[in-house]
Amino acid sequence: MPIKINIGVHTSHCCVLHGCKYGYSNCPVCLRKADQEHICEDCSEDGIRNLKDIRGILSGKIKRCEYCGHI
């Protein structure tokens, strides 16, 4: 029987760029089945300021350093 996932905790805590806070391979945010609600701590450290920056990175309009991940 598959594990039932509470999508709300994932959309509140996980990041499409930095992964699932809980380590799940089937995280709905990481699989892009649900949108994250906030940037994560790692995003902040990489210079990502908001969800618009994340969308820009995903679309290729904003580039990240290949060595450190900073924008």
N, C-alpha and C. Protein backbone atom coordinates (compact mmCIF):
# COMPACT_ATOMS: atom_id res chain seq x y z
N MET A 1 0.84 -1.18 0.00
CA MET A 1 0.00 0.00 0.00
C MET A 1 0.89 1.24 0.00
N PRO A 2 0.65 2.19 -0.94
CA PRO A 2 1.49 3.39 -1.01
C PRO A 2 1.31 4.28 0.23
N ILE A 3 2.38 5.00 0.55
CA ILE A 3 2.34 5.92 1.68
C ILE A 3 1.50 7.14 1.30
N LYS A 4 0.58 7.52 2.16
CA LYS A 4 -0.24 8.70 1.92
C LYS A 4 0.57 9.95 2.30
N ILE A 5 0.62 10.91 1.41
CA ILE A 5 1.42 12.12 1.62
C ILE A 5 0.51 13.30 1.92
N ASN A 6 0.88 14.08 2.94
CA ASN A 6 0.20 15.33 3.23
C ASN A 6 0.83 16.41 2.37
N ILE A 7 0.16 16.77 1.29
CA ILE A 7 0.72 17.71 0.32
C ILE A 7 1.03 19.05 0.97
N GLY A 8 0.22 19.50 1.91
CA GLY A 8 0.41 20.81 2.54
C GLY A 8 1.76 20.98 3.21
N VAL A 9 2.26 19.95 3.87
CA VAL A 9 3.57 20.10 4.52
C VAL A 9 4.68 20.21 3.47
N HIS A 10 4.50 19.57 2.35
CA HIS A 10 5.50 19.65 1.29
C HIS A 10 5.48 21.01 0.61
N THR A 11 4.30 21.54 0.31
CA THR A 11 4.23 22.84 -0.35
C THR A 11 4.72 23.95 0.57
N SER A 12 4.67 23.73 1.87
CA SER A 12 5.13 24.73 2.83
C SER A 12 6.62 24.64 3.12
N HIS A 13 7.23 23.47 2.94
CA HIS A 13 8.61 23.29 3.40
C HIS A 13 9.60 22.81 2.34
N CYS A 14 9.14 22.23 1.26
CA CYS A 14 10.05 21.65 0.28
C CYS A 14 10.32 22.62 -0.87
N CYS A 15 11.36 22.33 -1.63
CA CYS A 15 11.78 23.24 -2.70
C CYS A 15 12.05 22.46 -3.98
N VAL A 16 11.55 22.95 -5.07
CA VAL A 16 11.75 22.29 -6.37
C VAL A 16 13.23 22.31 -6.75
N LEU A 17 13.99 23.29 -6.28
CA LEU A 17 15.42 23.38 -6.60
C LEU A 17 16.30 22.62 -5.62
N HIS A 18 15.94 22.66 -4.34
CA HIS A 18 16.81 22.10 -3.30
C HIS A 18 16.31 20.80 -2.69
N GLY A 19 15.14 20.36 -3.10
CA GLY A 19 14.68 19.05 -2.70
C GLY A 19 13.66 19.00 -1.58
N CYS A 20 13.31 17.78 -1.25
CA CYS A 20 12.29 17.51 -0.24
C CYS A 20 12.92 17.61 1.15
N LYS A 21 12.33 18.39 1.99
CA LYS A 21 12.82 18.55 3.36
C LYS A 21 12.76 17.24 4.13
N TYR A 22 11.88 16.36 3.72
CA TYR A 22 11.66 15.11 4.43
C TYR A 22 12.37 13.92 3.77
N GLY A 23 13.03 14.17 2.65
CA GLY A 23 13.79 13.12 1.99
C GLY A 23 12.98 12.15 1.16
N TYR A 24 11.74 12.50 0.84
CA TYR A 24 10.89 11.60 0.05
C TYR A 24 11.20 11.71 -1.44
N SER A 25 11.33 10.61 -2.10
CA SER A 25 11.56 10.62 -3.54
C SER A 25 10.29 10.96 -4.32
N ASN A 26 9.15 10.80 -3.67
CA ASN A 26 7.88 11.09 -4.35
C ASN A 26 7.26 12.41 -3.86
N CYS A 27 8.10 13.35 -3.46
CA CYS A 27 7.64 14.66 -2.99
C CYS A 27 6.88 15.36 -4.12
N PRO A 28 5.65 15.82 -3.87
CA PRO A 28 4.87 16.46 -4.93
C PRO A 28 5.48 17.77 -5.43
N VAL A 29 6.23 18.46 -4.59
CA VAL A 29 6.89 19.70 -5.03
C VAL A 29 8.05 19.35 -5.95
N CYS A 30 8.88 18.41 -5.55
CA CYS A 30 10.04 18.02 -6.36
C CYS A 30 9.61 17.41 -7.69
N LEU A 31 8.49 16.72 -7.70
CA LEU A 31 7.97 16.13 -8.94
C LEU A 31 7.15 17.13 -9.75
N ARG A 32 7.03 18.34 -9.24
CA ARG A 32 6.28 19.44 -9.87
C ARG A 32 4.80 19.13 -10.05
N LYS A 33 4.25 18.38 -9.10
CA LYS A 33 2.82 18.11 -9.09
C LYS A 33 2.09 19.09 -8.19
N ALA A 34 2.85 19.83 -7.36
CA ALA A 34 2.29 20.85 -6.48
C ALA A 34 3.30 21.99 -6.40
N ASP A 35 2.81 23.21 -6.32
CA ASP A 35 3.68 24.38 -6.25
C ASP A 35 4.11 24.66 -4.82
N GLN A 36 5.38 25.00 -4.65
CA GLN A 36 5.83 25.39 -3.32
C GLN A 36 5.30 26.77 -3.00
N GLU A 37 5.09 27.05 -1.72
CA GLU A 37 4.49 28.31 -1.29
C GLU A 37 5.51 29.37 -0.92
N HIS A 38 6.73 28.96 -0.59
CA HIS A 38 7.76 29.89 -0.12
C HIS A 38 9.11 29.43 -0.63
N ILE A 39 10.08 30.35 -0.63
CA ILE A 39 11.44 29.92 -0.90
C ILE A 39 11.98 29.24 0.36
N CYS A 40 12.97 28.38 0.20
CA CYS A 40 13.55 27.69 1.35
C CYS A 40 14.79 28.43 1.84
N GLU A 41 15.37 27.96 2.94
CA GLU A 41 16.57 28.59 3.49
C GLU A 41 17.73 28.51 2.50
N ASP A 42 17.84 27.39 1.79
CA ASP A 42 18.92 27.25 0.81
C ASP A 42 18.75 28.24 -0.33
N CYS A 43 17.51 28.51 -0.72
CA CYS A 43 17.25 29.52 -1.76
C CYS A 43 17.80 30.87 -1.29
N SER A 44 17.47 31.24 -0.07
CA SER A 44 17.94 32.53 0.47
C SER A 44 19.45 32.62 0.42
N GLU A 45 20.12 31.54 0.78
CA GLU A 45 21.59 31.52 0.78
C GLU A 45 22.15 31.62 -0.64
N ASP A 46 21.38 31.19 -1.62
CA ASP A 46 21.81 31.25 -3.02
C ASP A 46 21.44 32.56 -3.70
N GLY A 47 20.84 33.50 -2.95
CA GLY A 47 20.47 34.78 -3.52
C GLY A 47 19.11 34.80 -4.19
N ILE A 48 18.37 33.73 -4.05
CA ILE A 48 17.02 33.65 -4.61
C ILE A 48 16.10 34.38 -3.64
N ARG A 49 15.37 35.37 -4.15
CA ARG A 49 14.58 36.24 -3.28
C ARG A 49 13.11 35.87 -3.19
N ASN A 50 12.59 35.21 -4.22
CA ASN A 50 11.14 34.94 -4.24
C ASN A 50 10.82 33.82 -5.24
N LEU A 51 9.55 33.47 -5.30
CA LEU A 51 9.12 32.39 -6.20
C LEU A 51 9.30 32.77 -7.67
N LYS A 52 9.25 34.07 -7.96
CA LYS A 52 9.48 34.52 -9.34
C LYS A 52 10.91 34.17 -9.78
N ASP A 53 11.87 34.31 -8.87
CA ASP A 53 13.25 33.91 -9.19
C ASP A 53 13.32 32.42 -9.48
N ILE A 54 12.61 31.61 -8.71
CA ILE A 54 12.61 30.17 -8.94
C ILE A 54 12.04 29.85 -10.32
N ARG A 55 10.94 30.48 -10.67
CA ARG A 55 10.36 30.26 -12.00
C ARG A 55 11.33 30.67 -13.10
N GLY A 56 12.08 31.76 -12.88
CA GLY A 56 13.07 32.21 -13.85
C GLY A 56 14.20 31.20 -14.01
N ILE A 57 14.62 30.61 -12.91
CA ILE A 57 15.67 29.58 -12.97
C ILE A 57 15.16 28.36 -13.71
N LEU A 58 13.96 27.92 -13.39
CA LEU A 58 13.39 26.73 -14.04
C LEU A 58 13.19 26.93 -15.54
N SER A 59 12.86 28.16 -15.94
CA SER A 59 12.63 28.44 -17.35
C SER A 59 13.92 28.74 -18.11
N GLY A 60 15.02 28.93 -17.37
CA GLY A 60 16.30 29.24 -18.01
C GLY A 60 16.56 30.71 -18.19
N LYS A 61 15.64 31.58 -17.75
CA LYS A 61 15.82 33.02 -17.89
C LYS A 61 16.79 33.58 -16.86
N ILE A 62 16.94 32.91 -15.73
CA ILE A 62 17.91 33.30 -14.71
C ILE A 62 18.92 32.17 -14.59
N LYS A 63 20.18 32.53 -14.67
CA LYS A 63 21.26 31.53 -14.62
C LYS A 63 21.84 31.47 -13.21
N ARG A 64 22.25 30.27 -12.80
CA ARG A 64 22.92 30.04 -11.52
C ARG A 64 24.38 29.68 -11.78
N CYS A 65 25.25 30.05 -10.86
CA CYS A 65 26.66 29.68 -10.96
C CYS A 65 26.77 28.16 -10.95
N GLU A 66 27.51 27.61 -11.90
CA GLU A 66 27.65 26.16 -11.98
C GLU A 66 28.48 25.59 -10.82
N TYR A 67 29.21 26.44 -10.11
CA TYR A 67 30.05 25.97 -9.01
C TYR A 67 29.37 26.09 -7.64
N CYS A 68 28.69 27.22 -7.41
CA CYS A 68 28.13 27.43 -6.07
C CYS A 68 26.61 27.48 -6.07
N GLY A 69 25.96 27.61 -7.21
CA GLY A 69 24.50 27.65 -7.28
C GLY A 69 23.91 29.02 -7.04
N HIS A 70 24.74 30.02 -6.77
CA HIS A 70 24.25 31.38 -6.50
C HIS A 70 23.80 32.03 -7.80
N ILE A 71 22.75 32.87 -7.71
CA ILE A 71 22.31 33.58 -8.91
C ILE A 71 22.96 34.94 -8.99
